[in-house]
């Protein structure tokens, strides 16, 4: 009979599987680009119609085209909100806000030019009257 090797002792430490140490970097999780099928689109709770801003600019602004358009579109925003088209109303409200901001900047510039021109005309008139020029 051939000789057998001596048996070796088994313990719980020997039974555990040792994990190989990996020096690889783990790939980060990818960002989800598609919407889930049951996703809900969030809508703003309050959609401004900018009516007072458009009205004030229509009255006091030299650049009347933008504020008049915005004043007309405020009524369309109100109709869209009443018909529950919140996405369209929000987009139109954003366009109105941008138009009114540009009209405000143009209006302020026009008023400042008007005031400086008026002051220049008054000062020139006073200087001519007193024969300083």
Protein backbone atom coordinates (compact mmCIF):
# COMPACT_ATOMS: atom_id res chain seq x y z
CA UNK A 1 0.00 0.00 0.00
CA UNK A 2 1.29 3.39 -0.87
CA UNK A 3 1.93 5.77 1.91
CA UNK A 4 -0.45 8.59 2.34
CA UNK A 5 0.45 12.11 3.26
CA UNK A 6 -0.36 13.12 6.74
CA UNK A 7 -3.72 14.83 7.01
CA UNK A 8 -3.70 18.53 7.73
CA UNK A 9 -5.88 20.40 10.16
CA UNK A 10 -8.87 22.36 8.96
CA UNK A 11 -10.03 25.39 10.79
CA UNK A 12 -12.62 28.11 10.14
CA UNK A 13 -9.84 30.52 9.16
CA UNK A 14 -8.73 28.25 6.38
CA UNK A 15 -12.24 27.89 4.99
CA UNK A 16 -12.75 31.59 4.30
CA UNK A 17 -12.15 32.61 0.72
CA UNK A 18 -9.60 35.35 0.40
CA UNK A 19 -10.56 38.10 -2.01
CA UNK A 20 -8.04 39.16 -4.55
CA UNK A 21 -6.95 42.76 -4.12
CA UNK A 22 -7.77 44.75 -7.22
CA UNK A 23 -6.10 48.06 -7.96
CA UNK A 24 -8.61 48.98 -10.66
CA UNK A 25 -10.70 52.08 -10.22
CA UNK A 26 -14.40 51.46 -10.03
CA UNK A 27 -16.43 53.05 -12.80
CA UNK A 28 -18.79 55.74 -11.50
CA UNK A 29 -22.49 55.22 -11.99
CA UNK A 30 -23.83 56.67 -15.20
CA UNK A 31 -26.28 59.55 -15.06
CA UNK A 32 -29.74 58.62 -16.21
CA UNK A 33 -30.49 60.43 -19.46
CA UNK A 34 -33.91 59.03 -20.28
CA UNK A 35 -37.05 59.73 -18.31
CA UNK A 36 -38.77 56.87 -16.54
CA UNK A 37 -42.14 55.93 -17.97
CA UNK A 38 -44.06 57.09 -14.92
CA UNK A 39 -42.22 60.37 -14.36
CA UNK A 40 -44.18 63.48 -13.43
CA UNK A 41 -43.23 66.88 -14.82
CA UNK A 42 -43.18 69.52 -12.11
CA UNK A 43 -44.91 72.79 -12.86
CA UNK A 44 -44.39 76.12 -11.14
CA UNK A 45 -47.02 76.90 -8.56
CA UNK A 46 -47.45 80.56 -9.51
CA UNK A 47 -47.07 81.83 -13.07
CA UNK A 48 -46.72 85.63 -13.19
CA UNK A 49 -48.56 87.42 -15.97
CA UNK A 50 -46.57 90.72 -15.67
CA UNK A 51 -49.66 92.85 -16.33
CA UNK A 52 -48.73 95.80 -14.09
CA UNK A 53 -45.15 95.91 -15.38
CA UNK A 54 -46.41 95.93 -18.98
CA UNK A 55 -49.01 98.61 -18.19
CA UNK A 56 -46.50 100.93 -16.50
CA UNK A 57 -44.02 100.53 -19.35
CA UNK A 58 -46.73 101.18 -21.93
CA UNK A 59 -47.56 104.48 -20.22
CA UNK A 60 -44.06 105.74 -19.38
CA UNK A 61 -41.76 104.20 -21.99
CA UNK A 62 -40.70 105.77 -25.29
CA UNK A 63 -40.15 102.30 -26.75
CA UNK A 64 -43.84 101.35 -26.92
CA UNK A 65 -43.73 98.31 -29.23
CA UNK A 66 -42.45 95.81 -26.64
CA UNK A 67 -44.73 96.84 -23.76
CA UNK A 68 -47.82 96.88 -26.01
CA UNK A 69 -47.02 93.36 -27.22
CA UNK A 70 -46.43 92.24 -23.63
CA UNK A 71 -49.69 93.83 -22.50
CA UNK A 72 -51.57 91.91 -25.19
CA UNK A 73 -49.81 88.64 -24.31
CA UNK A 74 -50.67 88.95 -20.60
CA UNK A 75 -54.27 88.27 -21.50
CA UNK A 76 -53.16 85.20 -23.46
CA UNK A 77 -51.21 83.96 -20.41
CA UNK A 78 -54.35 84.34 -18.31
CA UNK A 79 -56.35 82.35 -20.88
CA UNK A 80 -53.71 79.60 -20.89
CA UNK A 81 -53.77 79.38 -17.09
CA UNK A 82 -57.57 79.18 -17.15
CA UNK A 83 -57.43 76.36 -19.74
CA UNK A 84 -54.77 74.56 -17.61
CA UNK A 85 -51.97 74.85 -20.20
CA UNK A 86 -49.36 75.56 -17.55
CA UNK A 87 -46.30 74.68 -19.63
CA UNK A 88 -47.25 77.05 -22.45
CA UNK A 89 -48.21 79.77 -19.97
CA UNK A 90 -44.86 79.48 -18.20
CA UNK A 91 -42.92 79.70 -21.50
CA UNK A 92 -44.94 82.72 -22.63
CA UNK A 93 -44.51 84.38 -19.22
CA UNK A 94 -40.75 83.97 -19.53
CA UNK A 95 -40.79 85.54 -23.02
CA UNK A 96 -42.89 88.45 -21.71
CA UNK A 97 -40.46 88.96 -18.84
CA UNK A 98 -37.48 89.06 -21.22
CA UNK A 99 -39.24 91.51 -23.54
CA UNK A 100 -40.20 93.78 -20.67
CA UNK A 101 -36.68 93.73 -19.27
CA UNK A 102 -35.22 94.79 -22.63
CA UNK A 103 -37.95 97.45 -23.01
CA UNK A 104 -37.19 98.76 -19.52
CA UNK A 105 -33.49 99.13 -20.35
CA UNK A 106 -34.28 100.92 -23.62
CA UNK A 107 -36.86 103.13 -21.87
CA UNK A 108 -34.46 104.14 -19.08
CA UNK A 109 -31.81 104.96 -21.67
CA UNK A 110 -34.31 107.07 -23.65
CA UNK A 111 -35.45 108.95 -20.52
CA UNK A 112 -31.87 109.68 -19.47
CA UNK A 113 -31.06 110.96 -22.97
CA UNK A 114 -34.22 113.10 -22.92
CA UNK A 115 -33.36 114.59 -19.53
CA UNK A 116 -29.76 115.36 -20.53
CA UNK A 117 -30.92 116.90 -23.81
CA UNK A 118 -33.54 119.00 -21.99
CA UNK A 119 -31.01 120.17 -19.44
CA UNK A 120 -28.56 121.01 -22.22
CA UNK A 121 -31.19 123.03 -24.11
CA UNK A 122 -32.17 124.93 -20.94
CA UNK A 123 -28.58 125.70 -20.04
CA UNK A 124 -27.85 126.81 -23.61
CA UNK A 125 -30.93 129.06 -23.56
CA UNK A 126 -29.90 130.67 -20.31
CA UNK A 127 -26.35 131.22 -21.58
CA UNK A 128 -27.63 132.75 -24.83
CA UNK A 129 -30.09 135.00 -23.00
CA UNK A 130 -27.36 136.37 -20.76
CA UNK A 131 -25.05 136.70 -23.76
CA UNK A 132 -22.38 134.45 -22.28
CA UNK A 133 -22.10 132.61 -25.56
